[in-house]
Protein backbone atom coordinates (compact mmCIF):
# COMPACT_ATOMS: atom_id res chain seq x y z
CA MET A 1 -53.48 -60.30 -25.42
CA LYS A 2 -57.15 -59.46 -24.86
CA LEU A 3 -58.17 -55.82 -24.95
CA THR A 4 -61.44 -53.99 -24.77
CA GLY A 5 -62.45 -51.92 -27.77
CA SER A 6 -61.52 -48.79 -25.86
CA GLN A 7 -58.06 -50.17 -25.02
CA LEU A 8 -57.66 -51.13 -28.67
CA VAL A 9 -58.34 -47.53 -29.67
CA ALA A 10 -55.65 -46.29 -27.26
CA GLU A 11 -53.08 -48.85 -28.41
CA ILE A 12 -53.54 -48.07 -32.09
CA LEU A 13 -53.36 -44.35 -31.43
CA LEU A 14 -50.02 -44.93 -29.71
CA GLU A 15 -48.81 -46.98 -32.68
CA HIS A 16 -49.50 -43.96 -34.88
CA GLY A 17 -47.49 -41.65 -32.64
CA VAL A 18 -50.52 -39.97 -31.07
CA ASP A 19 -49.74 -38.61 -27.63
CA THR A 20 -52.40 -35.87 -27.46
CA VAL A 21 -56.14 -35.89 -28.04
CA PHE A 22 -58.72 -33.16 -27.62
CA GLY A 23 -62.32 -33.72 -26.64
CA TYR A 24 -65.27 -33.75 -24.29
CA PRO A 25 -66.74 -36.78 -22.47
CA GLY A 26 -70.33 -38.02 -22.36
CA GLY A 27 -72.46 -41.07 -21.62
CA THR A 28 -71.68 -43.20 -24.66
CA ALA A 29 -68.01 -42.24 -24.51
CA LEU A 30 -67.50 -43.29 -20.88
CA ASN A 31 -65.57 -46.44 -21.78
CA LEU A 32 -63.20 -44.48 -24.02
CA TYR A 33 -62.61 -41.91 -21.28
CA ASP A 34 -62.11 -44.58 -18.64
CA VAL A 35 -59.28 -45.95 -20.77
CA LEU A 36 -57.85 -42.46 -21.24
CA TYR A 37 -57.50 -42.39 -17.46
CA GLU A 38 -55.69 -45.72 -17.64
CA TYR A 39 -53.37 -44.39 -20.39
CA ARG A 40 -52.98 -40.89 -18.90
CA ASP A 41 -49.19 -41.22 -18.72
CA LYS A 42 -49.02 -41.96 -22.45
CA ILE A 43 -51.86 -39.95 -23.99
CA LYS A 44 -52.61 -36.42 -22.85
CA HIS A 45 -56.27 -35.44 -23.07
CA VAL A 46 -57.11 -31.75 -23.39
CA LEU A 47 -60.63 -31.01 -22.16
CA THR A 48 -62.15 -28.09 -24.07
CA ALA A 49 -65.24 -26.02 -23.24
CA HIS A 50 -67.12 -27.24 -26.32
CA GLU A 51 -66.64 -29.97 -28.91
CA GLN A 52 -66.27 -27.39 -31.69
CA GLY A 53 -63.31 -25.95 -29.83
CA ALA A 54 -61.85 -29.47 -29.55
CA ALA A 55 -62.15 -30.03 -33.30
CA HIS A 56 -60.49 -26.69 -34.04
CA ALA A 57 -57.76 -27.53 -31.52
CA ALA A 58 -57.04 -30.85 -33.25
CA ASP A 59 -56.89 -28.92 -36.53
CA GLY A 60 -54.50 -26.28 -35.14
CA TYR A 61 -52.38 -29.01 -33.56
CA TYR A 62 -51.76 -30.57 -36.98
CA ARG A 63 -51.09 -27.26 -38.69
CA ALA A 64 -48.48 -26.34 -36.07
CA THR A 65 -46.82 -29.75 -35.66
CA GLY A 66 -47.53 -31.75 -38.82
CA LYS A 67 -48.91 -34.57 -36.60
CA THR A 68 -52.43 -35.85 -37.27
CA GLY A 69 -54.96 -34.25 -34.93
CA VAL A 70 -57.33 -36.49 -32.96
CA VAL A 71 -60.62 -35.44 -31.35
CA PHE A 72 -63.05 -37.43 -29.16
CA ALA A 73 -66.76 -36.76 -28.68
CA THR A 74 -69.82 -38.47 -27.33
CA SER A 75 -72.97 -39.25 -29.30
CA GLY A 76 -75.77 -36.93 -30.40
CA PRO A 77 -75.00 -33.25 -29.71
CA GLY A 78 -71.41 -34.07 -28.84
CA ALA A 79 -70.89 -35.52 -32.30
CA THR A 80 -72.83 -32.84 -34.15
CA ASN A 81 -70.86 -30.13 -32.34
CA LEU A 82 -67.80 -31.40 -34.22
CA VAL A 83 -69.32 -30.71 -37.63
CA THR A 84 -68.04 -27.15 -38.18
CA GLY A 85 -64.54 -28.18 -37.10
CA ILE A 86 -64.55 -31.21 -39.39
CA ALA A 87 -65.80 -29.08 -42.30
CA THR A 88 -63.07 -26.52 -41.63
CA ALA A 89 -60.42 -29.26 -41.77
CA PHE A 90 -61.97 -30.73 -44.91
CA MET A 91 -61.91 -27.45 -46.83
CA ASP A 92 -58.26 -26.82 -45.87
CA SER A 93 -57.09 -30.43 -46.44
CA VAL A 94 -56.16 -31.06 -42.82
CA PRO A 95 -55.78 -34.69 -41.65
CA MET A 96 -57.91 -35.20 -38.56
CA ILE A 97 -59.31 -38.33 -36.91
CA ALA A 98 -62.66 -37.69 -35.22
CA ILE A 99 -63.69 -40.56 -32.93
CA THR A 100 -67.27 -40.50 -31.73
CA ALA A 101 -69.10 -42.97 -29.50
CA ASN A 102 -72.67 -43.87 -30.39
CA VAL A 103 -75.46 -45.64 -28.53
CA PRO A 104 -75.27 -49.46 -28.23
CA ASP A 105 -75.89 -51.37 -31.45
CA SER A 106 -79.17 -52.73 -30.06
CA LEU A 107 -80.52 -49.15 -29.94
CA ILE A 108 -79.30 -47.98 -33.35
CA GLY A 109 -82.25 -46.83 -35.46
CA ARG A 110 -84.63 -46.61 -32.49
CA ASP A 111 -84.28 -42.87 -31.82
CA ALA A 112 -82.52 -43.61 -28.54
CA PHE A 113 -81.43 -40.82 -26.25
CA GLN A 114 -78.65 -38.86 -27.97
CA GLU A 115 -78.60 -41.15 -31.01
CA ILE A 116 -77.58 -39.54 -34.28
CA CYS A 117 -76.32 -40.94 -37.57
CA ILE A 118 -73.12 -38.89 -37.49
CA THR A 119 -71.60 -40.81 -40.41
CA GLY A 120 -74.53 -39.62 -42.54
CA VAL A 121 -74.26 -36.07 -41.23
CA THR A 122 -70.54 -35.85 -42.02
CA LEU A 123 -70.52 -37.76 -45.32
CA PRO A 124 -69.97 -34.62 -47.48
CA ILE A 125 -67.23 -33.18 -45.23
CA THR A 126 -64.95 -36.18 -44.64
CA LYS A 127 -62.68 -38.21 -46.88
CA HIS A 128 -64.35 -41.27 -45.36
CA SER A 129 -66.58 -42.20 -42.44
CA PHE A 130 -66.60 -45.54 -40.58
CA PHE A 131 -69.50 -46.90 -38.55
CA VAL A 132 -68.18 -49.67 -36.28
CA ASN A 133 -70.78 -51.88 -34.59
CA ARG A 134 -68.62 -55.05 -34.48
CA ILE A 135 -65.39 -55.16 -32.51
CA GLU A 136 -63.84 -57.31 -35.25
CA ASP A 137 -63.95 -54.26 -37.56
CA LEU A 138 -62.46 -51.74 -35.14
CA GLU A 139 -58.73 -52.29 -35.65
CA HIS A 140 -59.01 -52.07 -39.43
CA ALA A 141 -61.18 -48.93 -39.24
CA ILE A 142 -58.68 -47.04 -37.09
CA ARG A 143 -55.63 -48.01 -39.12
CA GLU A 144 -57.41 -47.30 -42.38
CA SER A 145 -58.55 -43.93 -41.06
CA PHE A 146 -55.00 -42.74 -40.53
CA ARG A 147 -53.99 -44.04 -43.98
CA ILE A 148 -56.89 -42.31 -45.72
CA ALA A 149 -56.48 -39.04 -43.79
CA ASN A 150 -52.83 -38.73 -44.78
CA SER A 151 -52.82 -40.15 -48.31
CA GLY A 152 -53.06 -37.95 -51.39
CA ARG A 153 -54.93 -34.75 -50.66
CA LYS A 154 -55.20 -34.90 -46.89
CA GLY A 155 -58.40 -34.52 -44.93
CA PRO A 156 -60.53 -35.58 -41.97
CA VAL A 157 -61.92 -39.07 -41.32
CA LEU A 158 -64.63 -39.98 -38.80
CA ILE A 159 -64.94 -43.22 -36.85
CA ASP A 160 -68.27 -43.75 -35.07
CA ILE A 161 -68.13 -46.62 -32.56
CA THR A 162 -71.14 -48.07 -30.75
CA LYS A 163 -70.84 -48.14 -26.97
CA ASP A 164 -71.01 -51.95 -26.78
CA VAL A 165 -67.99 -52.20 -29.08
CA THR A 166 -65.98 -49.97 -26.75
CA ALA A 167 -66.65 -52.49 -23.95
CA ASP A 168 -66.32 -55.77 -25.91
CA THR A 169 -63.01 -57.66 -25.86
CA ILE A 170 -60.86 -59.06 -28.63
CA ASP A 171 -57.40 -60.57 -29.09
CA TYR A 172 -54.88 -57.94 -30.09
CA LYS A 173 -51.41 -58.22 -31.55
CA LYS A 174 -49.28 -55.10 -31.79
CA GLY A 175 -49.01 -53.83 -35.35
CA LYS A 176 -47.86 -50.79 -37.26
CA PRO A 177 -49.45 -48.06 -39.38
CA LEU A 178 -50.55 -48.96 -42.89
CA GLU A 179 -48.47 -47.63 -45.74
CA LEU A 180 -49.89 -44.51 -47.31
CA GLN A 181 -51.23 -44.64 -50.82
CA PRO A 182 -48.45 -43.60 -53.24
CA HIS A 183 -48.69 -40.04 -54.49
CA PRO A 184 -49.37 -39.50 -58.18
CA LEU A 185 -46.06 -38.57 -59.75
CA ALA A 186 -45.35 -36.30 -62.70
CA ASP A 187 -44.38 -37.82 -66.01
CA ASP A 188 -40.93 -36.71 -67.19
CA ASP A 189 -42.23 -35.65 -70.61
CA GLU A 190 -44.95 -33.52 -69.01
CA VAL A 191 -42.39 -31.88 -66.75
CA ALA A 192 -40.10 -31.17 -69.70
CA GLU A 193 -42.95 -29.50 -71.58
CA ILE A 194 -43.68 -27.20 -68.66
CA ALA A 195 -39.96 -26.48 -68.17
CA ALA A 196 -39.80 -25.31 -71.79
CA MET A 197 -42.79 -23.02 -71.21
CA ILE A 198 -41.08 -21.49 -68.16
CA ASN A 199 -37.74 -21.10 -69.98
CA GLN A 200 -39.42 -19.27 -72.85
CA ALA A 201 -41.69 -17.00 -70.82
CA GLU A 202 -40.92 -13.29 -70.52
CA ARG A 203 -43.45 -12.37 -67.82
CA PRO A 204 -43.94 -15.56 -65.76
CA VAL A 205 -45.69 -15.64 -62.38
CA ILE A 206 -45.92 -18.51 -59.91
CA TYR A 207 -49.17 -18.80 -57.97
CA PHE A 208 -49.09 -21.35 -55.18
CA GLY A 209 -51.34 -22.63 -52.42
CA GLY A 210 -51.72 -25.11 -49.59
CA GLY A 211 -50.39 -28.00 -51.66
CA VAL A 212 -46.88 -26.59 -51.31
CA PRO A 213 -46.67 -26.77 -47.49
CA ALA A 214 -48.69 -30.01 -47.51
CA SER A 215 -46.00 -31.67 -49.63
CA ASP A 216 -43.16 -29.90 -47.80
CA ALA A 217 -42.06 -28.35 -51.08
CA GLY A 218 -41.10 -24.91 -49.76
CA ASP A 219 -37.37 -25.34 -50.38
CA GLU A 220 -37.86 -26.54 -53.93
CA LEU A 221 -40.27 -23.69 -54.67
CA ASN A 222 -37.80 -21.11 -53.42
CA GLN A 223 -35.08 -22.66 -55.56
CA LEU A 224 -37.30 -22.43 -58.64
CA ILE A 225 -38.23 -18.82 -57.96
CA GLU A 226 -34.59 -17.82 -57.54
CA LYS A 227 -33.17 -19.86 -60.44
CA ALA A 228 -35.78 -18.74 -62.97
CA ASP A 229 -36.12 -15.26 -61.42
CA ILE A 230 -39.92 -15.45 -61.23
CA PRO A 231 -42.21 -13.28 -59.11
CA ALA A 232 -44.62 -15.33 -56.99
CA THR A 233 -47.93 -14.89 -55.21
CA TYR A 234 -49.84 -17.16 -52.87
CA THR A 235 -53.12 -18.02 -51.19
CA LEU A 236 -53.89 -17.74 -47.48
CA MET A 237 -53.01 -21.40 -47.03
CA ALA A 238 -49.44 -20.83 -48.20
CA ALA A 239 -48.57 -17.61 -46.39
CA GLY A 240 -45.04 -17.78 -45.06
CA ILE A 241 -43.41 -19.96 -47.73
CA LEU A 242 -41.68 -16.88 -49.14
CA GLY A 243 -39.75 -14.60 -46.84
CA TYR A 244 -41.39 -11.22 -46.30
CA GLU A 245 -38.33 -9.39 -47.61
CA ASN A 246 -37.91 -11.57 -50.71
CA LYS A 247 -37.96 -9.15 -53.66
CA ARG A 248 -39.91 -11.67 -55.75
CA ASN A 249 -42.64 -12.01 -53.11
CA LEU A 250 -45.70 -10.26 -54.56
CA GLY A 251 -47.83 -10.95 -51.49
CA LEU A 252 -51.31 -12.38 -51.18
CA ILE A 253 -53.47 -12.82 -54.30
CA GLY A 254 -57.17 -12.34 -54.81
CA MET A 255 -60.06 -10.34 -53.38
CA HIS A 256 -57.93 -8.72 -50.67
CA GLY A 257 -54.60 -9.51 -52.26
CA SER A 258 -51.89 -7.00 -52.99
CA ILE A 259 -51.91 -4.61 -55.91
CA ALA A 260 -48.66 -6.15 -57.11
CA ALA A 261 -49.93 -9.73 -57.04
CA ASN A 262 -53.18 -9.01 -58.86
CA ARG A 263 -51.61 -6.78 -61.49
CA ALA A 264 -48.72 -9.15 -62.13
CA VAL A 265 -51.07 -12.09 -62.67
CA ASP A 266 -53.19 -9.96 -64.98
CA ARG A 267 -50.13 -8.96 -67.08
CA ALA A 268 -48.32 -12.33 -67.02
CA ASP A 269 -47.70 -14.34 -70.16
CA LEU A 270 -47.35 -17.57 -68.13
CA LEU A 271 -49.03 -18.49 -64.84
CA VAL A 272 -47.77 -21.61 -63.05
CA ALA A 273 -50.28 -22.72 -60.42
CA LEU A 274 -48.83 -25.10 -57.82
CA GLY A 275 -51.02 -26.88 -55.26
CA CYS A 276 -53.92 -24.45 -55.53
CA ARG A 277 -57.44 -24.52 -56.91
CA PHE A 278 -58.29 -21.11 -58.40
CA SER A 279 -60.92 -20.50 -55.74
CA ASP A 280 -63.58 -17.81 -56.13
CA ARG A 281 -61.61 -15.59 -53.74
CA VAL A 282 -58.65 -15.73 -56.12
CA ALA A 283 -60.21 -15.99 -59.58
CA LEU A 284 -63.20 -13.78 -58.93
CA ASN A 285 -64.02 -13.70 -62.64
CA PRO A 286 -62.73 -17.05 -63.93
CA LYS A 287 -63.13 -16.22 -67.62
CA LYS A 288 -61.00 -13.08 -67.32
CA PHE A 289 -58.49 -14.32 -64.73
CA ALA A 290 -54.89 -14.10 -66.02
CA LYS A 291 -56.38 -13.55 -69.47
CA ARG A 292 -53.03 -12.83 -71.16
CA ALA A 293 -51.29 -15.91 -69.77
CA LYS A 294 -50.90 -19.51 -70.67
CA LYS A 295 -51.88 -21.40 -67.55
CA VAL A 296 -50.25 -24.46 -66.01
CA GLN A 297 -51.83 -26.27 -63.06
CA VAL A 298 -50.06 -28.85 -60.89
CA ASP A 299 -52.17 -30.52 -58.21
CA ILE A 300 -52.40 -33.84 -56.41
CA ASP A 301 -56.19 -33.85 -56.72
CA LYS A 302 -57.38 -34.39 -60.31
CA SER A 303 -60.85 -33.09 -59.42
CA GLU A 304 -59.37 -29.60 -59.09
CA ILE A 305 -58.04 -29.51 -62.64
CA ASN A 306 -60.16 -27.23 -64.86
CA LYS A 307 -62.82 -27.05 -62.13
CA ASN A 308 -62.77 -23.28 -61.74
CA VAL A 309 -60.37 -22.01 -64.40
CA ILE A 310 -59.58 -23.74 -67.69
CA VAL A 311 -55.83 -24.25 -68.03
CA ASP A 312 -53.55 -24.92 -71.00
CA LYS A 313 -51.52 -27.64 -69.33
CA SER A 314 -52.10 -29.72 -66.23
CA VAL A 315 -50.19 -32.33 -64.26
CA ILE A 316 -51.62 -34.59 -61.56
CA SER A 317 -48.73 -34.84 -59.16
CA ASP A 318 -47.37 -34.30 -55.71
CA VAL A 319 -45.92 -30.78 -55.89
CA LYS A 320 -42.61 -31.72 -54.28
CA ASP A 321 -41.96 -34.52 -56.77
CA PHE A 322 -42.91 -32.24 -59.65
CA LEU A 323 -40.54 -29.49 -58.54
CA GLN A 324 -37.68 -31.91 -57.93
CA LYS A 325 -38.00 -33.15 -61.51
CA LEU A 326 -38.51 -29.65 -62.88
CA LEU A 327 -35.55 -27.87 -61.30
CA PRO A 328 -32.74 -29.52 -63.33
CA MET A 329 -34.62 -28.63 -66.54
CA ILE A 330 -34.93 -24.94 -65.70
CA GLU A 331 -32.49 -22.47 -67.22
CA LYS A 332 -31.11 -19.75 -65.02
CA ARG A 333 -32.86 -16.56 -66.12
CA ASP A 334 -32.81 -12.86 -65.44
CA HIS A 335 -36.26 -11.28 -65.63
CA GLY A 336 -34.91 -8.04 -64.24
CA GLU A 337 -37.33 -5.73 -66.02
CA TRP A 338 -40.35 -7.85 -65.08
CA VAL A 339 -39.27 -8.16 -61.45
CA ALA A 340 -38.57 -4.43 -61.34
CA GLN A 341 -42.08 -3.71 -62.61
CA SER A 342 -43.62 -5.94 -59.94
CA THR A 343 -41.44 -4.28 -57.30
CA GLU A 344 -42.79 -0.92 -58.41
CA TRP A 345 -46.34 -2.20 -58.00
CA LYS A 346 -45.44 -3.39 -54.49
CA LYS A 347 -44.88 0.21 -53.46
CA LYS A 348 -48.60 0.85 -53.95
CA THR A 349 -50.07 -0.80 -50.89
CA GLY A 350 -53.65 0.41 -50.85
CA ASP A 351 -53.34 0.94 -47.10
CA VAL A 352 -55.66 3.82 -46.28
CA LYS A 353 -55.91 4.65 -42.60
CA CYS A 354 -59.00 6.03 -40.93
CA GLN A 355 -58.07 9.62 -39.99
CA ASP A 356 -60.25 9.62 -36.89
CA ALA A 357 -58.51 6.59 -35.37
CA GLU A 358 -55.54 6.62 -33.01
CA LEU A 359 -54.68 2.92 -33.39
CA HIS A 360 -54.61 1.31 -36.82
CA PRO A 361 -54.57 -2.42 -37.62
CA SER A 362 -51.28 -2.19 -39.51
CA GLU A 363 -49.65 -0.61 -36.43
CA VAL A 364 -50.87 -3.43 -34.21
CA VAL A 365 -49.62 -6.22 -36.52
CA THR A 366 -46.30 -4.46 -37.18
CA ALA A 367 -45.66 -3.97 -33.46
CA VAL A 368 -46.34 -7.66 -32.81
CA CYS A 369 -43.83 -8.64 -35.52
CA ASP A 370 -41.21 -6.26 -34.18
CA LEU A 371 -41.55 -7.56 -30.60
CA THR A 372 -41.66 -11.31 -31.24
CA ASP A 373 -39.13 -13.75 -32.66
CA LYS A 374 -39.22 -15.66 -35.94
CA GLU A 375 -40.47 -18.83 -34.25
CA THR A 376 -43.75 -17.21 -33.24
CA ILE A 377 -46.95 -18.95 -34.39
CA TYR A 378 -49.71 -16.66 -35.63
CA VAL A 379 -53.33 -17.86 -35.56
CA THR A 380 -56.32 -15.92 -36.82
CA ASP A 381 -60.07 -16.06 -36.77
CA VAL A 382 -61.96 -14.90 -39.90
CA GLY A 383 -62.79 -11.38 -40.95
CA GLN A 384 -61.02 -8.07 -41.43
CA HIS A 385 -58.36 -8.88 -38.83
CA GLN A 386 -57.52 -12.07 -40.76
CA MET A 387 -56.76 -10.06 -43.91
CA TRP A 388 -54.80 -7.43 -41.98
CA ALA A 389 -52.71 -10.17 -40.43
CA ALA A 390 -52.07 -11.78 -43.81
CA GLN A 391 -51.12 -8.43 -45.33
CA TYR A 392 -48.82 -7.08 -42.61
CA LEU A 393 -47.19 -10.06 -40.86
CA LYS A 394 -43.48 -10.30 -41.59
CA HIS A 395 -43.21 -14.08 -41.33
CA ASP A 396 -41.40 -16.69 -43.38
CA LYS A 397 -42.56 -20.08 -42.09
CA THR A 398 -45.86 -21.39 -43.35
CA LYS A 399 -46.62 -23.47 -40.25
CA ASP A 400 -46.37 -20.23 -38.33
CA PHE A 401 -49.56 -18.84 -39.94
CA ILE A 402 -52.73 -20.77 -39.10
CA THR A 403 -56.08 -19.66 -40.46
CA SER A 404 -59.36 -20.98 -41.83
CA GLY A 405 -59.19 -20.44 -45.57
CA GLY A 406 -61.72 -22.54 -47.44
CA LEU A 407 -64.63 -22.51 -45.00
CA GLY A 408 -63.86 -19.13 -43.46
CA THR A 409 -64.89 -20.21 -39.98
CA MET A 410 -65.48 -17.41 -37.50
CA GLY A 411 -64.62 -18.79 -34.06
CA PHE A 412 -61.84 -21.01 -35.41
CA GLY A 413 -58.99 -19.06 -33.88
CA TYR A 414 -59.02 -19.70 -30.15
CA GLY A 415 -59.41 -23.46 -30.43
CA ALA A 416 -56.73 -23.61 -33.13
CA ALA A 417 -54.41 -21.47 -30.99
CA ILE A 418 -54.90 -23.89 -28.10
CA GLY A 419 -54.03 -26.83 -30.33
CA ALA A 420 -50.96 -25.06 -31.68
CA GLN A 421 -49.75 -24.09 -28.20
CA VAL A 422 -50.29 -27.60 -26.82
CA GLY A 423 -48.37 -29.03 -29.76
CA CYS A 424 -45.57 -26.44 -29.61
CA PRO A 425 -45.14 -25.48 -25.94
CA GLU A 426 -41.72 -24.03 -26.64
CA LYS A 427 -43.10 -21.41 -29.04
CA ARG A 428 -45.13 -18.27 -28.53
CA VAL A 429 -48.65 -18.34 -30.00
CA ILE A 430 -50.32 -15.06 -30.97
CA HIS A 431 -54.04 -15.16 -31.73
CA PHE A 432 -55.49 -12.35 -33.86
CA THR A 433 -59.26 -12.00 -33.72
CA GLY A 434 -62.09 -9.51 -34.08
CA ASP A 435 -64.79 -8.83 -31.54
CA GLY A 436 -67.30 -10.60 -33.83
CA SER A 437 -65.27 -13.80 -34.28
CA PHE A 438 -64.09 -13.86 -30.67
CA HIS A 439 -67.60 -13.76 -29.25
CA MET A 440 -68.30 -17.06 -30.99
CA ASN A 441 -65.83 -19.27 -29.08
CA LEU A 442 -64.27 -17.16 -26.34
CA ASN A 443 -65.54 -19.79 -23.91
CA GLU A 444 -62.32 -21.67 -24.73
CA ALA A 445 -60.57 -19.19 -22.45
CA CYS A 446 -61.31 -21.63 -19.64
CA THR A 447 -59.31 -24.27 -21.54
CA ALA A 448 -56.35 -21.96 -22.04
CA VAL A 449 -56.42 -21.03 -18.34
CA SER A 450 -56.77 -24.63 -17.12
CA GLU A 451 -53.87 -25.73 -19.33
CA GLU A 452 -51.81 -22.64 -18.43
CA LEU A 453 -51.25 -21.79 -22.09
CA PRO A 454 -49.49 -18.44 -22.66
CA ILE A 455 -51.57 -17.53 -25.72
CA ILE A 456 -51.81 -13.80 -26.38
CA THR A 457 -55.16 -12.88 -27.95
CA ILE A 458 -55.25 -9.56 -29.78
CA ILE A 459 -58.82 -8.39 -30.31
CA MET A 460 -59.32 -5.91 -33.17
CA ASN A 461 -62.39 -4.40 -31.56
CA ASN A 462 -64.38 -2.11 -33.86
CA ARG A 463 -67.74 -3.03 -32.25
CA VAL A 464 -69.21 -4.07 -35.59
CA LEU A 465 -69.10 -7.23 -37.71
CA GLY A 466 -66.31 -5.62 -39.67
CA MET A 467 -66.08 -7.47 -42.97
CA VAL A 468 -69.83 -7.60 -43.57
CA TYR A 469 -70.08 -4.00 -42.38
CA GLN A 470 -67.44 -3.07 -44.97
CA TRP A 471 -69.49 -4.73 -47.71
CA GLN A 472 -72.65 -2.98 -46.57
CA THR A 473 -70.78 0.34 -46.66
CA SER A 474 -69.45 -0.20 -50.19
CA PHE A 475 -72.24 -2.10 -51.90
CA TYR A 476 -75.45 -1.84 -49.87
CA GLY A 477 -75.87 1.91 -49.46
CA ARG A 478 -74.75 1.87 -45.81
CA ARG A 479 -77.82 -0.12 -44.77
CA TYR A 480 -76.26 -1.77 -41.71
CA SER A 481 -78.52 -4.75 -41.17
CA ALA A 482 -77.44 -6.90 -38.16
CA THR A 483 -73.81 -5.75 -38.28
CA THR A 484 -73.86 -3.20 -35.45
CA PRO A 485 -74.73 -5.36 -32.43
CA GLU A 486 -73.80 -2.67 -29.89
CA ARG A 487 -72.36 -5.24 -27.51
CA LYS A 488 -70.98 -3.88 -24.27
CA THR A 489 -68.54 -6.70 -23.52
CA ASP A 490 -65.65 -5.54 -21.36
CA PHE A 491 -62.97 -7.91 -22.61
CA PRO A 492 -60.31 -7.13 -19.97
CA LYS A 493 -62.80 -7.73 -17.14
CA LEU A 494 -64.09 -10.87 -18.81
CA ALA A 495 -60.53 -12.17 -19.19
CA GLU A 496 -59.97 -11.66 -15.48
CA ALA A 497 -63.23 -13.51 -14.74
CA PHE A 498 -61.92 -16.50 -16.68
CA GLY A 499 -58.64 -16.34 -14.79
CA ALA A 500 -56.63 -14.79 -17.63
CA LYS A 501 -54.96 -11.37 -17.83
CA GLY A 502 -56.79 -8.58 -19.64
CA TYR A 503 -55.49 -5.31 -21.08
CA SER A 504 -56.79 -2.60 -23.37
CA ALA A 505 -55.06 -0.25 -25.80
CA SER A 506 -56.26 2.66 -27.91
CA THR A 507 -52.93 4.10 -29.12
CA PRO A 508 -49.76 2.58 -30.58
CA THR A 509 -47.83 3.49 -27.41
CA GLU A 510 -50.41 1.84 -25.18
CA PHE A 511 -50.45 -1.27 -27.32
CA GLU A 512 -46.69 -1.66 -27.31
CA ASP A 513 -46.62 -1.19 -23.54
CA VAL A 514 -49.29 -3.80 -22.76
CA PHE A 515 -47.97 -6.24 -25.37
CA LYS A 516 -44.58 -6.20 -23.67
CA LYS A 517 -46.33 -6.99 -20.38
CA ALA A 518 -48.28 -9.80 -22.06
CA LEU A 519 -45.06 -11.40 -23.29
CA LYS A 520 -43.96 -11.82 -19.68
CA GLU A 521 -47.11 -13.62 -18.55
CA LYS A 522 -47.13 -17.40 -18.10
CA GLY A 523 -50.85 -17.82 -18.86
CA PRO A 524 -53.34 -16.51 -21.43
CA VAL A 525 -53.66 -12.78 -22.06
CA TRP A 526 -56.29 -10.75 -23.95
CA ILE A 527 -55.55 -7.31 -25.39
CA ASP A 528 -58.61 -5.30 -26.40
CA CYS A 529 -57.54 -2.94 -29.22
CA ALA A 530 -59.84 -0.05 -30.04
CA ILE A 531 -60.12 -0.01 -33.84
CA ALA A 532 -62.29 2.47 -35.73
CA ARG A 533 -65.27 0.86 -37.42
CA GLU A 534 -64.49 2.74 -40.62
CA GLU A 535 -61.13 0.99 -41.07
CA ARG A 536 -61.13 -0.94 -44.35
CA VAL A 537 -59.35 -3.98 -45.74
CA LEU A 538 -57.82 -2.72 -48.95
CA PRO A 539 -57.15 -3.42 -51.75
CA MET A 540 -60.43 -5.10 -52.58
CA ILE A 541 -61.81 -6.64 -55.75
CA PRO A 542 -65.60 -7.00 -55.59
CA GLY A 543 -67.07 -10.45 -56.19
CA GLY A 544 -67.14 -11.25 -59.89
CA GLY A 545 -64.74 -8.40 -60.63
CA THR A 546 -61.29 -8.18 -62.20
CA VAL A 547 -58.14 -6.26 -61.49
CA GLU A 548 -59.70 -3.29 -63.31
CA ASP A 549 -62.36 -3.16 -60.57
CA MET A 550 -59.85 -3.12 -57.72
CA ILE A 551 -60.69 -0.66 -54.95
CA ILE A 552 -57.43 0.83 -53.71
CA GLY A 553 -58.47 3.75 -51.55
């Protein structure tokens, strides 16, 4: 049958199981949006306030559901507004398909109104970019985009389509998604060598990251930790794989990681790194990181091996396949003394509360955990509140913690929360943010209201740009340059203006009371929490430092 290019896009999206897209229309995208009207019973379109919010929503949609996120935008500023969202997905290995419409092919290269070479702009932040100016190339580009986005180390792909292609017609025959590229698999001899290292170790530690949830290897990892009796620590991208109450759970590692995690890694004689990249927020001083340990690194992306930290043994493999081969070779062990030592370190939290404050971040996060069920999805922006959430949330499902790790994108949270709530309407979504991050994309409140999404936004409001303010306090002689904006935003009133519910709280009792009210609302709610500006995220290892430099209180 004959289809227009725009109809072809819709049909191939349906073939790939896409029933939801996020975006914002514009002149060059009119044909695509006209077809979305035609397909409105099959593909839901969520109109955001800004294309950046749409990109973050597509990102959050994937992280909550495991289904590839799709975002539409028009040419020029519409396309460039996607850039931060695409970069966020790229840094966190999130599969996303960004479809942009460009000016007609006859105007390409002529500086036409709203023309931009978006494939060139996004080249460093996508796995691949397609420029389609012939309708004969469109079907292949879309199918290949899904294959590339989801093969190996996942990531975003952009398809830029000229407006004339969206209107042209072509014969179409229903097809199916392309097979994904096979994962690299661990060699049995390599696995056996690592198994022997684990069996012989006296003070082993497992350090794991986003590669574990990406390969759905959580069950296998938990089996390894239990069978070999090994303490484990994780990056932001893997929070939730280990249950909060698991005695071998050392907590978050790195700059704002737990005392237990950082000390255990420093004292370990073997460090097994699974699906992680030794980032500068983990290995702040690469030459001294885990200096007593032999290091093993297992990752699907060979470019990450020895990039930041030199290891003794490496395996290029899908983590799940590696663990499945490893488990039968692992001897059941009892590292009782080592686990006991790490448990003792866990008692030292580094949580120092500001004496002048009536409401502390830990009290807010703890109350949220106590009043919500285990299926709750937690989304954060970036800053102090992000670290407090990671430190105090009592969760045990990794898809229930959504945050921007690699790029550290302030303003990520609300869009991502919208995507998560759209993808999981049966679950409660809680959005933690700070007044600095929230000011960046709070315009997406209109999206949450229009879609009647019951997202609860908890604003840790200390009226400063908290994380940078903390650094200026500790390392810049309290010279507060551009971190005390003195904004007068009344968040509860602004929420009401958007059509949402707004509350404020300055004590634990007030917060618990308004949070219970928020849980009963059917639409979005904001809770403005008065947090003292002197509250600190602790522990903290300064950039370039080691565990010996850890600031505890």
